[in-house]
């Protein structure tokens, strides 16, 4: 393992954990945040947030130009902010870096996968990888291990990231399907919201059926996009269901539960935005996505949640596979 100079862009719960984790591996870590962002101010003033306490060896900066001196740039922001971050990196002349996306989602306006957004904007031989899979900050911080995936079009980049980021806390697997892994990771948050609705309506016993049928429709989507449908059954999607569909720490599940109970929810639920992008993407693909479509009707079209979910059970009878 080499000691790397790393800049982490984003200081929310996942970003702050990644900074803490890589510092534990004795890499030199700098966390970048906007000077007036509440999350950055909290870290700067207290060296901690609700999830993580930073060591004194982690640097904090609001100067994005420091990325030019780093070996690896890790981005962990909300998916709809990625394009503006990439534009900033382009403007400072970032080149010949390894850019790792520790985030999940789709861009609403274009329907693009997040790696596609980076490749479109940040050129100059930068290599893009994605870091995805199950796990919650709270569990990792307590020393509870999990398995995750690193994927990239570039094999050398995958080798480099995995060899330098692996530990007893996170076992990394090599991804070999960027389409499947990114779509699977993004859409598991959508299924997480559906699981929350079931919890909110006292129908948690249906989550087994949701897992089975949700994975099937996402597998169809991945295949239609040119990926390997088996990726839906891997760590990027089905393997992340426990953390997303059942955990109290899951923002997407909690958002769905609060929606069903008509309680306000103040945290980011990426699945809400991913769903919008997903339905727009599917206007041309025309893949059969009954769960996602029903959820879209509920969240975006004000359809009655219970009635819409009931209609899923009244669909035409069919073979399971």
C-alpha atoms as a PDB file:
ATOM      1  CA  UNK A   1       0.000   0.000   0.000  1.00  0.00           C
ATOM      2  CA  UNK A   2       1.316   3.428  -0.960  1.00  0.00           C
ATOM      3  CA  UNK A   3       0.711   6.555   1.100  1.00  0.00           C
ATOM      4  CA  UNK A   4      -1.471   8.708  -1.158  1.00  0.00           C
ATOM      5  CA  UNK A   5      -2.370  12.378  -1.149  1.00  0.00           C
ATOM      6  CA  UNK A   6      -6.161  12.413  -1.383  1.00  0.00           C
ATOM      7  CA  UNK A   7      -8.720  15.192  -1.700  1.00  0.00           C
ATOM      8  CA  UNK A   8     -12.255  14.389  -0.669  1.00  0.00           C
ATOM      9  CA  UNK A   9     -14.909  16.706  -2.108  1.00  0.00           C
ATOM     10  CA  UNK A  10     -17.981  16.638   0.107  1.00  0.00           C
ATOM     11  CA  UNK A  11     -18.272  16.620   3.886  1.00  0.00           C
ATOM     12  CA  UNK A  12     -21.666  15.048   4.570  1.00  0.00           C
ATOM     13  CA  UNK A  13     -22.018  11.838   6.570  1.00  0.00           C
ATOM     14  CA  UNK A  14     -20.598   9.565   3.865  1.00  0.00           C
ATOM     15  CA  UNK A  15     -17.878  11.969   2.779  1.00  0.00           C
ATOM     16  CA  UNK A  16     -16.688  12.585   6.335  1.00  0.00           C
ATOM     17  CA  UNK A  17     -16.571   8.825   6.940  1.00  0.00           C
ATOM     18  CA  UNK A  18     -14.508   8.212   3.800  1.00  0.00           C
ATOM     19  CA  UNK A  19     -12.061  10.861   4.979  1.00  0.00           C
ATOM     20  CA  UNK A  20     -11.848   9.234   8.409  1.00  0.00           C
ATOM     21  CA  UNK A  21     -11.471   5.750   6.891  1.00  0.00           C
ATOM     22  CA  UNK A  22      -8.646   6.671   4.521  1.00  0.00           C
ATOM     23  CA  UNK A  23      -6.880   8.542   7.307  1.00  0.00           C
ATOM     24  CA  UNK A  24      -6.995   5.312   9.324  1.00  0.00           C
ATOM     25  CA  UNK A  25      -5.105   3.687   6.426  1.00  0.00           C
ATOM     26  CA  UNK A  26      -2.433   6.390   6.865  1.00  0.00           C
ATOM     27  CA  UNK A  27      -3.144   8.239   3.638  1.00  0.00           C
ATOM     28  CA  UNK A  28      -2.818  12.032   3.648  1.00  0.00           C
ATOM     29  CA  UNK A  29      -6.423  13.276   3.496  1.00  0.00           C
ATOM     30  CA  UNK A  30      -7.771  16.735   2.745  1.00  0.00           C
ATOM     31  CA  UNK A  31     -11.530  17.331   2.932  1.00  0.00           C
ATOM     32  CA  UNK A  32     -12.877  20.117   0.724  1.00  0.00           C
ATOM     33  CA  UNK A  33     -16.091  21.970   1.469  1.00  0.00           C
ATOM     34  CA  UNK A  34     -17.725  25.282   0.663  1.00  0.00           C
ATOM     35  CA  UNK A  35     -16.743  27.944   3.182  1.00  0.00           C
ATOM     36  CA  UNK A  36     -20.357  28.780   4.095  1.00  0.00           C
ATOM     37  CA  UNK A  37     -21.770  25.229   3.997  1.00  0.00           C
ATOM     38  CA  UNK A  38     -23.169  24.175   7.412  1.00  0.00           C
ATOM     39  CA  UNK A  39     -21.591  20.707   7.186  1.00  0.00           C
ATOM     40  CA  UNK A  40     -18.158  22.202   6.473  1.00  0.00           C
ATOM     41  CA  UNK A  41     -18.495  24.813   9.211  1.00  0.00           C
ATOM     42  CA  UNK A  42     -19.390  22.085  11.716  1.00  0.00           C
ATOM     43  CA  UNK A  43     -16.303  20.039  10.844  1.00  0.00           C
ATOM     44  CA  UNK A  44     -14.054  23.066  10.850  1.00  0.00           C
ATOM     45  CA  UNK A  45     -15.225  24.348  14.229  1.00  0.00           C
ATOM     46  CA  UNK A  46     -15.660  21.042  16.062  1.00  0.00           C
ATOM     47  CA  UNK A  47     -13.603  18.466  14.096  1.00  0.00           C
ATOM     48  CA  UNK A  48     -16.686  16.248  14.266  1.00  0.00           C
ATOM     49  CA  UNK A  49     -20.305  15.888  13.179  1.00  0.00           C
ATOM     50  CA  UNK A  50     -23.173  13.637  14.241  1.00  0.00           C
ATOM     51  CA  UNK A  51     -21.372  10.582  12.850  1.00  0.00           C
ATOM     52  CA  UNK A  52     -17.589  10.983  12.833  1.00  0.00           C
ATOM     53  CA  UNK A  53     -14.797  12.579  14.846  1.00  0.00           C
ATOM     54  CA  UNK A  54     -11.856  13.612  12.664  1.00  0.00           C
ATOM     55  CA  UNK A  55      -8.260  13.175  13.740  1.00  0.00           C
ATOM     56  CA  UNK A  56      -5.903  16.139  13.721  1.00  0.00           C
ATOM     57  CA  UNK A  57      -4.074  14.666  10.713  1.00  0.00           C
ATOM     58  CA  UNK A  58      -7.015  15.335   8.376  1.00  0.00           C
ATOM     59  CA  UNK A  59      -6.829  18.700   6.640  1.00  0.00           C
ATOM     60  CA  UNK A  60      -9.848  20.880   5.854  1.00  0.00           C
ATOM     61  CA  UNK A  61      -9.879  23.350   2.964  1.00  0.00           C
ATOM     62  CA  UNK A  62     -12.250  25.529   0.957  1.00  0.00           C
ATOM     63  CA  UNK A  63      -9.698  25.952  -1.856  1.00  0.00           C
ATOM     64  CA  UNK A  64     -10.519  23.490  -4.630  1.00  0.00           C
ATOM     65  CA  UNK A  65      -7.231  24.277  -6.394  1.00  0.00           C
ATOM     66  CA  UNK A  66      -5.512  22.058  -3.840  1.00  0.00           C
ATOM     67  CA  UNK A  67      -6.867  19.148  -5.897  1.00  0.00           C
ATOM     68  CA  UNK A  68      -4.064  19.791  -8.385  1.00  0.00           C
ATOM     69  CA  UNK A  69      -1.516  18.484  -5.853  1.00  0.00           C
ATOM     70  CA  UNK A  70      -3.349  15.257  -5.032  1.00  0.00           C
ATOM     71  CA  UNK A  71      -3.047  11.709  -6.364  1.00  0.00           C
ATOM     72  CA  UNK A  72      -6.727  10.813  -6.007  1.00  0.00           C
ATOM     73  CA  UNK A  73      -9.878  12.965  -6.014  1.00  0.00           C
ATOM     74  CA  UNK A  74     -12.884  11.431  -4.261  1.00  0.00           C
ATOM     75  CA  UNK A  75     -16.277  13.030  -4.801  1.00  0.00           C
ATOM     76  CA  UNK A  76     -19.144  12.484  -2.373  1.00  0.00           C
ATOM     77  CA  UNK A  77     -21.854  15.085  -2.993  1.00  0.00           C
ATOM     78  CA  UNK A  78     -25.530  14.855  -3.885  1.00  0.00           C
ATOM     79  CA  UNK A  79     -25.909  13.588  -7.432  1.00  0.00           C
ATOM     80  CA  UNK A  80     -27.525  16.732  -8.847  1.00  0.00           C
ATOM     81  CA  UNK A  81     -24.525  18.818  -7.712  1.00  0.00           C
ATOM     82  CA  UNK A  82     -21.945  16.666  -9.495  1.00  0.00           C
ATOM     83  CA  UNK A  83     -21.998  18.609 -12.753  1.00  0.00           C
ATOM     84  CA  UNK A  84     -21.141  21.893 -11.039  1.00  0.00           C
ATOM     85  CA  UNK A  85     -18.308  20.231  -9.086  1.00  0.00           C
ATOM     86  CA  UNK A  86     -16.923  18.786 -12.323  1.00  0.00           C
ATOM     87  CA  UNK A  87     -17.095  22.190 -13.957  1.00  0.00           C
ATOM     88  CA  UNK A  88     -14.975  23.617 -11.132  1.00  0.00           C
ATOM     89  CA  UNK A  89     -12.424  20.828 -11.567  1.00  0.00           C
ATOM     90  CA  UNK A  90     -12.283  21.483 -15.283  1.00  0.00           C
ATOM     91  CA  UNK A  91     -11.733  25.206 -14.738  1.00  0.00           C
ATOM     92  CA  UNK A  92      -8.717  24.639 -12.484  1.00  0.00           C
ATOM     93  CA  UNK A  93      -7.166  22.371 -15.143  1.00  0.00           C
ATOM     94  CA  UNK A  94      -7.375  19.020 -13.373  1.00  0.00           C
ATOM     95  CA  UNK A  95      -5.576  16.324 -15.361  1.00  0.00           C
ATOM     96  CA  UNK A  96      -4.030  12.870 -15.004  1.00  0.00           C
ATOM     97  CA  UNK A  97      -5.874  12.133 -11.747  1.00  0.00           C
ATOM     98  CA  UNK A  98      -7.886   9.209 -10.513  1.00  0.00           C
ATOM     99  CA  UNK A  99     -11.410  10.400  -9.731  1.00  0.00           C
ATOM    100  CA  UNK A 100     -13.472   8.114  -7.490  1.00  0.00           C
ATOM    101  CA  UNK A 101     -17.224   8.641  -7.131  1.00  0.00           C
ATOM    102  CA  UNK A 102     -18.537   7.635  -3.702  1.00  0.00           C
ATOM    103  CA  UNK A 103     -22.126   8.509  -4.524  1.00  0.00           C
ATOM    104  CA  UNK A 104     -25.191   6.977  -6.125  1.00  0.00           C
ATOM    105  CA  UNK A 105     -27.779   8.411  -8.466  1.00  0.00           C
ATOM    106  CA  UNK A 106     -28.624   9.599 -11.963  1.00  0.00           C
ATOM    107  CA  UNK A 107     -28.600  13.121 -13.367  1.00  0.00           C
ATOM    108  CA  UNK A 108     -32.210  14.208 -13.779  1.00  0.00           C
ATOM    109  CA  UNK A 109     -31.798  16.568 -16.746  1.00  0.00           C
ATOM    110  CA  UNK A 110     -29.806  14.137 -18.903  1.00  0.00           C
ATOM    111  CA  UNK A 111     -30.523  10.706 -17.410  1.00  0.00           C
ATOM    112  CA  UNK A 112     -26.770  10.098 -17.441  1.00  0.00           C
ATOM    113  CA  UNK A 113     -24.909   7.860 -15.060  1.00  0.00           C
ATOM    114  CA  UNK A 114     -22.617   9.820 -12.764  1.00  0.00           C
ATOM    115  CA  UNK A 115     -19.411   8.521 -14.348  1.00  0.00           C
ATOM    116  CA  UNK A 116     -20.720   9.755 -17.700  1.00  0.00           C
ATOM    117  CA  UNK A 117     -21.169  13.251 -16.258  1.00  0.00           C
ATOM    118  CA  UNK A 118     -17.545  13.291 -15.093  1.00  0.00           C
ATOM    119  CA  UNK A 119     -16.222  11.947 -18.395  1.00  0.00           C
ATOM    120  CA  UNK A 120     -18.206  14.545 -20.319  1.00  0.00           C
ATOM    121  CA  UNK A 121     -16.746  17.499 -18.422  1.00  0.00           C
ATOM    122  CA  UNK A 122     -13.417  16.619 -16.804  1.00  0.00           C
ATOM    123  CA  UNK A 123     -11.129  15.488 -19.613  1.00  0.00           C
ATOM    124  CA  UNK A 124      -7.298  15.520 -19.797  1.00  0.00           C
ATOM    125  CA  UNK A 125      -6.695  11.791 -19.214  1.00  0.00           C
ATOM    126  CA  UNK A 126      -8.415  11.652 -15.829  1.00  0.00           C
ATOM    127  CA  UNK A 127      -9.560   8.109 -14.942  1.00  0.00           C
ATOM    128  CA  UNK A 128     -12.955   7.586 -13.326  1.00  0.00           C
ATOM    129  CA  UNK A 129     -13.938   4.865 -10.864  1.00  0.00           C
ATOM    130  CA  UNK A 130     -17.015   4.230  -8.722  1.00  0.00           C
ATOM    131  CA  UNK A 131     -17.049   3.050  -5.108  1.00  0.00           C
ATOM    132  CA  UNK A 132     -20.413   1.457  -4.293  1.00  0.00           C
ATOM    133  CA  UNK A 133     -22.030  -1.191  -2.143  1.00  0.00           C
ATOM    134  CA  UNK A 134     -23.651  -1.773   1.249  1.00  0.00           C
ATOM    135  CA  UNK A 135     -22.757  -0.257   4.582  1.00  0.00           C
ATOM    136  CA  UNK A 136     -23.704   2.584   6.892  1.00  0.00           C
ATOM    137  CA  UNK A 137     -21.369   5.125   8.437  1.00  0.00           C
ATOM    138  CA  UNK A 138     -22.657   4.300  11.904  1.00  0.00           C
ATOM    139  CA  UNK A 139     -21.804   0.594  11.497  1.00  0.00           C
ATOM    140  CA  UNK A 140     -18.405   1.135   9.890  1.00  0.00           C
ATOM    141  CA  UNK A 141     -17.440   3.634  12.580  1.00  0.00           C
ATOM    142  CA  UNK A 142     -18.218   0.981  15.204  1.00  0.00           C
ATOM    143  CA  UNK A 143     -15.844  -1.419  13.425  1.00  0.00           C
ATOM    144  CA  UNK A 144     -18.518  -3.587  11.782  1.00  0.00           C
ATOM    145  CA  UNK A 145     -17.084  -4.746   8.399  1.00  0.00           C
ATOM    146  CA  UNK A 146     -18.789  -5.031   5.038  1.00  0.00           C
ATOM    147  CA  UNK A 147     -18.119  -5.768   1.368  1.00  0.00           C
ATOM    148  CA  UNK A 148     -18.103  -3.134  -1.390  1.00  0.00           C
ATOM    149  CA  UNK A 149     -17.261  -2.784  -5.090  1.00  0.00           C
ATOM    150  CA  UNK A 150     -14.786  -0.697  -7.065  1.00  0.00           C
ATOM    151  CA  UNK A 151     -15.486  -0.457 -10.789  1.00  0.00           C
ATOM    152  CA  UNK A 152     -13.902   1.465 -13.651  1.00  0.00           C
ATOM    153  CA  UNK A 153     -13.435   1.167 -17.389  1.00  0.00           C
ATOM    154  CA  UNK A 154      -9.709   1.243 -16.667  1.00  0.00           C
ATOM    155  CA  UNK A 155      -8.292  -1.945 -15.126  1.00  0.00           C
ATOM    156  CA  UNK A 156      -5.162  -0.240 -13.781  1.00  0.00           C
ATOM    157  CA  UNK A 157      -7.337   2.249 -11.914  1.00  0.00           C
ATOM    158  CA  UNK A 158      -9.348  -0.565 -10.320  1.00  0.00           C
ATOM    159  CA  UNK A 159      -6.149  -2.347  -9.276  1.00  0.00           C
ATOM    160  CA  UNK A 160      -4.706   0.874  -7.845  1.00  0.00           C
ATOM    161  CA  UNK A 161      -7.790   1.840  -5.829  1.00  0.00           C
ATOM    162  CA  UNK A 162      -8.438  -1.640  -4.431  1.00  0.00           C
ATOM    163  CA  UNK A 163      -4.825  -2.284  -3.469  1.00  0.00           C
ATOM    164  CA  UNK A 164      -4.592   1.056  -1.638  1.00  0.00           C
ATOM    165  CA  UNK A 165      -8.073   1.294  -0.085  1.00  0.00           C
ATOM    166  CA  UNK A 166      -8.669  -2.275   1.161  1.00  0.00           C
ATOM    167  CA  UNK A 167      -8.651  -3.135   4.860  1.00  0.00           C
ATOM    168  CA  UNK A 168     -10.157  -5.500   7.416  1.00  0.00           C
ATOM    169  CA  UNK A 169     -13.108  -3.095   7.621  1.00  0.00           C
ATOM    170  CA  UNK A 170     -13.964  -3.040   3.914  1.00  0.00           C
ATOM    171  CA  UNK A 171     -13.419  -5.973   1.557  1.00  0.00           C
ATOM    172  CA  UNK A 172     -13.504  -4.707  -2.022  1.00  0.00           C
ATOM    173  CA  UNK A 173     -14.595  -6.715  -5.032  1.00  0.00           C
ATOM    174  CA  UNK A 174     -13.620  -5.924  -8.618  1.00  0.00           C
ATOM    175  CA  UNK A 175     -16.574  -4.670 -10.649  1.00  0.00           C
ATOM    176  CA  UNK A 176     -16.731  -5.450 -14.360  1.00  0.00           C
ATOM    177  CA  UNK A 177     -19.949  -3.738 -15.453  1.00  0.00           C
ATOM    178  CA  UNK A 178     -20.061   0.038 -15.065  1.00  0.00           C
ATOM    179  CA  UNK A 179     -23.593   0.255 -16.467  1.00  0.00           C
ATOM    180  CA  UNK A 180     -24.972  -2.442 -14.197  1.00  0.00           C
ATOM    181  CA  UNK A 181     -23.137  -1.320 -11.089  1.00  0.00           C
ATOM    182  CA  UNK A 182     -24.072   2.346 -11.411  1.00  0.00           C
ATOM    183  CA  UNK A 183     -27.701   1.689 -12.323  1.00  0.00           C
ATOM    184  CA  UNK A 184     -28.017  -0.960  -9.638  1.00  0.00           C
ATOM    185  CA  UNK A 185     -26.524   1.307  -6.983  1.00  0.00           C
ATOM    186  CA  UNK A 186     -28.714   4.250  -7.941  1.00  0.00           C
ATOM    187  CA  UNK A 187     -31.974   2.336  -8.126  1.00  0.00           C
ATOM    188  CA  UNK A 188     -31.593   0.457  -4.839  1.00  0.00           C
ATOM    189  CA  UNK A 189     -32.428   3.810  -3.234  1.00  0.00           C
ATOM    190  CA  UNK A 190     -35.698   3.875  -5.182  1.00  0.00           C
ATOM    191  CA  UNK A 191     -36.609   0.411  -3.913  1.00  0.00           C
ATOM    192  CA  UNK A 192     -35.625   1.632  -0.448  1.00  0.00           C
ATOM    193  CA  UNK A 193     -38.323   4.303  -0.583  1.00  0.00           C
ATOM    194  CA  UNK A 194     -40.875   1.658  -1.574  1.00  0.00           C
ATOM    195  CA  UNK A 195     -39.772  -0.415   1.428  1.00  0.00           C
ATOM    196  CA  UNK A 196     -40.309   2.602   3.663  1.00  0.00           C
ATOM    197  CA  UNK A 197     -43.850   3.002   2.344  1.00  0.00           C
ATOM    198  CA  UNK A 198     -44.544  -0.625   3.292  1.00  0.00           C
ATOM    199  CA  UNK A 199     -43.185   0.011   6.783  1.00  0.00           C
ATOM    200  CA  UNK A 200     -45.309   3.125   7.088  1.00  0.00           C
ATOM    201  CA  UNK A 201     -48.471   1.244   6.167  1.00  0.00           C
ATOM    202  CA  UNK A 202     -47.699  -1.710   8.441  1.00  0.00           C
ATOM    203  CA  UNK A 203     -46.968  -3.987   5.488  1.00  0.00           C
ATOM    204  CA  UNK A 204     -43.334  -4.824   6.261  1.00  0.00           C
ATOM    205  CA  UNK A 205     -43.905  -8.521   5.620  1.00  0.00           C
ATOM    206  CA  UNK A 206     -44.190  -7.651   1.909  1.00  0.00           C
ATOM    207  CA  UNK A 207     -40.571  -6.521   1.763  1.00  0.00           C
ATOM    208  CA  UNK A 208     -39.450 -10.017   0.775  1.00  0.00           C
ATOM    209  CA  UNK A 209     -41.663  -9.836  -2.321  1.00  0.00           C
ATOM    210  CA  UNK A 210     -40.451  -6.275  -2.945  1.00  0.00           C
ATOM    211  CA  UNK A 211     -36.840  -7.478  -2.891  1.00  0.00           C
ATOM    212  CA  UNK A 212     -37.507 -10.296  -5.333  1.00  0.00           C
ATOM    213  CA  UNK A 213     -39.616  -8.351  -7.812  1.00  0.00           C
ATOM    214  CA  UNK A 214     -37.647  -5.121  -7.442  1.00  0.00           C
ATOM    215  CA  UNK A 215     -34.432  -6.881  -8.366  1.00  0.00           C
ATOM    216  CA  UNK A 216     -36.103  -8.440 -11.400  1.00  0.00           C
ATOM    217  CA  UNK A 217     -37.263  -5.130 -12.841  1.00  0.00           C
ATOM    218  CA  UNK A 218     -33.916  -3.441 -12.249  1.00  0.00           C
ATOM    219  CA  UNK A 219     -32.210  -6.413 -13.924  1.00  0.00           C
ATOM    220  CA  UNK A 220     -34.433  -5.822 -16.975  1.00  0.00           C
ATOM    221  CA  UNK A 221     -33.469  -2.147 -16.979  1.00  0.00           C
ATOM    222  CA  UNK A 222     -29.743  -2.883 -16.764  1.00  0.00           C
ATOM    223  CA  UNK A 223     -30.016  -5.341 -19.651  1.00  0.00           C
ATOM    224  CA  UNK A 224     -31.919  -2.822 -21.790  1.00  0.00           C
ATOM    225  CA  UNK A 225     -29.155  -0.265 -21.176  1.00  0.00           C
ATOM    226  CA  UNK A 226     -26.483  -2.694 -22.359  1.00  0.00           C
ATOM    227  CA  UNK A 227     -25.239  -3.905 -18.982  1.00  0.00           C
ATOM    228  CA  UNK A 228     -25.156  -7.362 -17.421  1.00  0.00           C
ATOM    229  CA  UNK A 229     -28.499  -8.084 -15.770  1.00  0.00           C
ATOM    230  CA  UNK A 230     -26.735 -10.297 -13.197  1.00  0.00           C
ATOM    231  CA  UNK A 231     -25.249  -7.126 -11.689  1.00  0.00           C
ATOM    232  CA  UNK A 232     -28.648  -6.441 -10.114  1.00  0.00           C
ATOM    233  CA  UNK A 233     -28.098  -9.524  -7.943  1.00  0.00           C
ATOM    234  CA  UNK A 234     -24.681  -8.346  -6.756  1.00  0.00           C
ATOM    235  CA  UNK A 235     -23.412  -5.947  -4.105  1.00  0.00           C
ATOM    236  CA  UNK A 236     -24.441  -2.835  -6.047  1.00  0.00           C
ATOM    237  CA  UNK A 237     -28.159  -3.605  -5.730  1.00  0.00           C
ATOM    238  CA  UNK A 238     -29.542  -6.730  -4.031  1.00  0.00           C
ATOM    239  CA  UNK A 239     -26.476  -6.906  -1.792  1.00  0.00           C
ATOM    240  CA  UNK A 240     -27.278  -3.394  -0.565  1.00  0.00           C
ATOM    241  CA  UNK A 241     -30.914  -4.131   0.238  1.00  0.00           C
ATOM    242  CA  UNK A 242     -30.366  -4.894   3.937  1.00  0.00           C
ATOM    243  CA  UNK A 243     -28.765  -1.499   4.490  1.00  0.00           C
ATOM    244  CA  UNK A 244     -31.379   0.322   2.408  1.00  0.00           C
ATOM    245  CA  UNK A 245     -34.670  -1.531   2.895  1.00  0.00           C
ATOM    246  CA  UNK A 246     -34.398  -2.490   6.560  1.00  0.00           C
ATOM    247  CA  UNK A 247     -31.967  -0.260   8.438  1.00  0.00           C
ATOM    248  CA  UNK A 248     -33.056   2.599  10.675  1.00  0.00           C
ATOM    249  CA  UNK A 249     -30.047   4.486   9.281  1.00  0.00           C
ATOM    250  CA  UNK A 250     -31.393   4.426   5.702  1.00  0.00           C
ATOM    251  CA  UNK A 251     -32.573   7.883   4.649  1.00  0.00           C
ATOM    252  CA  UNK A 252     -34.462   6.457   1.669  1.00  0.00           C
ATOM    253  CA  UNK A 253     -36.373   3.900   3.736  1.00  0.00           C
ATOM    254  CA  UNK A 254     -37.116   6.521   6.386  1.00  0.00           C
ATOM    255  CA  UNK A 255     -38.304   8.994   3.748  1.00  0.00           C
ATOM    256  CA  UNK A 256     -40.799   6.418   2.442  1.00  0.00           C
ATOM    257  CA  UNK A 257     -42.016   5.614   5.948  1.00  0.00           C
ATOM    258  CA  UNK A 258     -42.474   9.292   6.794  1.00  0.00           C
ATOM    259  CA  UNK A 259     -44.286   9.874   3.500  1.00  0.00           C
ATOM    260  CA  UNK A 260     -46.751   7.099   4.314  1.00  0.00           C
ATOM    261  CA  UNK A 261     -47.312   8.503   7.793  1.00  0.00           C
ATOM    262  CA  UNK A 262     -47.480  12.101   6.476  1.00  0.00           C
ATOM    263  CA  UNK A 263     -44.526  13.139   8.629  1.00  0.00           C
ATOM    264  CA  UNK A 264     -41.996  15.686   7.390  1.00  0.00           C
ATOM    265  CA  UNK A 265     -38.531  14.321   6.574  1.00  0.00           C
ATOM    266  CA  UNK A 266     -35.637  16.780   6.429  1.00  0.00           C
ATOM    267  CA  UNK A 267     -32.737  14.661   5.157  1.00  0.00           C
ATOM    268  CA  UNK A 268     -31.563  13.914   1.615  1.00  0.00           C
ATOM    269  CA  UNK A 269     -33.216  10.849   0.050  1.00  0.00           C
ATOM    270  CA  UNK A 270     -31.341  10.344  -3.230  1.00  0.00           C
ATOM    271  CA  UNK A 271     -33.894   7.801  -4.417  1.00  0.00           C
ATOM    272  CA  UNK A 272     -36.488  10.550  -4.846  1.00  0.00           C
ATOM    273  CA  UNK A 273     -34.383  12.311  -7.492  1.00  0.00           C
ATOM    274  CA  UNK A 274     -33.148   9.067  -9.031  1.00  0.00           C
ATOM    275  CA  UNK A 275     -36.767   8.011  -9.574  1.00  0.00           C
ATOM    276  CA  UNK A 276     -37.465  11.140 -11.610  1.00  0.00           C
ATOM    277  CA  UNK A 277     -34.410  10.522 -13.809  1.00  0.00           C
ATOM    278  CA  UNK A 278     -35.263   6.837 -14.096  1.00  0.00           C
ATOM    279  CA  UNK A 279     -38.797   7.381 -15.375  1.00  0.00           C
ATOM    280  CA  UNK A 280     -37.585   9.973 -17.904  1.00  0.00           C
ATOM    281  CA  UNK A 281     -34.904   7.546 -19.085  1.00  0.00           C
ATOM    282  CA  UNK A 282     -37.477   4.804 -19.505  1.00  0.00           C
ATOM    283  CA  UNK A 283     -39.660   6.892 -21.827  1.00  0.00           C
ATOM    284  CA  UNK A 284     -37.504   5.683 -24.715  1.00  0.00           C
ATOM    285  CA  UNK A 285     -36.494   2.270 -23.315  1.00  0.00           C
ATOM    286  CA  UNK A 286     -40.052   1.187 -22.399  1.00  0.00           C
ATOM    287  CA  UNK A 287     -38.857  -1.423 -19.893  1.00  0.00           C
ATOM    288  CA  UNK A 288     -41.550  -2.936 -17.678  1.00  0.00           C
ATOM    289  CA  UNK A 289     -40.927  -1.240 -14.298  1.00  0.00           C
ATOM    290  CA  UNK A 290     -44.159  -1.671 -12.322  1.00  0.00           C
ATOM    291  CA  UNK A 291     -42.753  -0.888  -8.868  1.00  0.00           C
ATOM    292  CA  UNK A 292     -40.824   2.182  -9.987  1.00  0.00           C
ATOM    293  CA  UNK A 293     -43.775   3.426 -12.043  1.00  0.00           C
ATOM    294  CA  UNK A 294     -46.182   2.999  -9.137  1.00  0.00           C
ATOM    295  CA  UNK A 295     -43.774   4.829  -6.836  1.00  0.00           C
ATOM    296  CA  UNK A 296     -43.471   7.676  -9.350  1.00  0.00           C
ATOM    297  CA  UNK A 297     -47.261   8.019  -9.464  1.00  0.00           C
ATOM    298  CA  UNK A 298     -47.303   8.266  -5.677  1.00  0.00           C
ATOM    299  CA  UNK A 299     -44.413  10.692  -5.188  1.00  0.00           C
ATOM    300  CA  UNK A 300     -44.758  12.889  -8.284  1.00  0.00           C
ATOM    301  CA  UNK A 301     -48.391  12.559  -9.397  1.00  0.00           C
ATOM    302  CA  UNK A 302     -50.096  12.597  -5.990  1.00  0.00           C
ATOM    303  CA  UNK A 303     -51.664   9.186  -6.540  1.00  0.00           C
ATOM    304  CA  UNK A 304     -53.196   7.576  -3.467  1.00  0.00           C
ATOM    305  CA  UNK A 305     -50.364   5.479  -1.972  1.00  0.00           C
ATOM    306  CA  UNK A 306     -52.425   2.585  -0.619  1.00  0.00           C
ATOM    307  CA  UNK A 307     -54.591   2.317  -3.728  1.00  0.00           C
ATOM    308  CA  UNK A 308     -51.609   2.493  -6.064  1.00  0.00           C
ATOM    309  CA  UNK A 309     -49.750  -0.196  -4.134  1.00  0.00           C
ATOM    310  CA  UNK A 310     -52.870  -2.352  -4.111  1.00  0.00           C
ATOM    311  CA  UNK A 311     -53.038  -2.115  -7.912  1.00  0.00           C
ATOM    312  CA  UNK A 312     -49.630  -3.820  -8.092  1.00  0.00           C
ATOM    313  CA  UNK A 313     -51.306  -6.934  -6.703  1.00  0.00           C
ATOM    314  CA  UNK A 314     -54.042  -6.751  -9.307  1.00  0.00           C
ATOM    315  CA  UNK A 315     -51.689  -6.873 -12.301  1.00  0.00           C
ATOM    316  CA  UNK A 316     -52.104  -9.673 -14.808  1.00  0.00           C
ATOM    317  CA  UNK A 317     -51.012 -13.042 -13.424  1.00  0.00           C
ATOM    318  CA  UNK A 318     -47.729 -14.224 -14.930  1.00  0.00           C
ATOM    319  CA  UNK A 319     -44.789 -16.597 -14.599  1.00  0.00           C
ATOM    320  CA  UNK A 320     -42.236 -15.516 -11.975  1.00  0.00           C
ATOM    321  CA  UNK A 321     -39.334 -15.875 -14.441  1.00  0.00           C
END
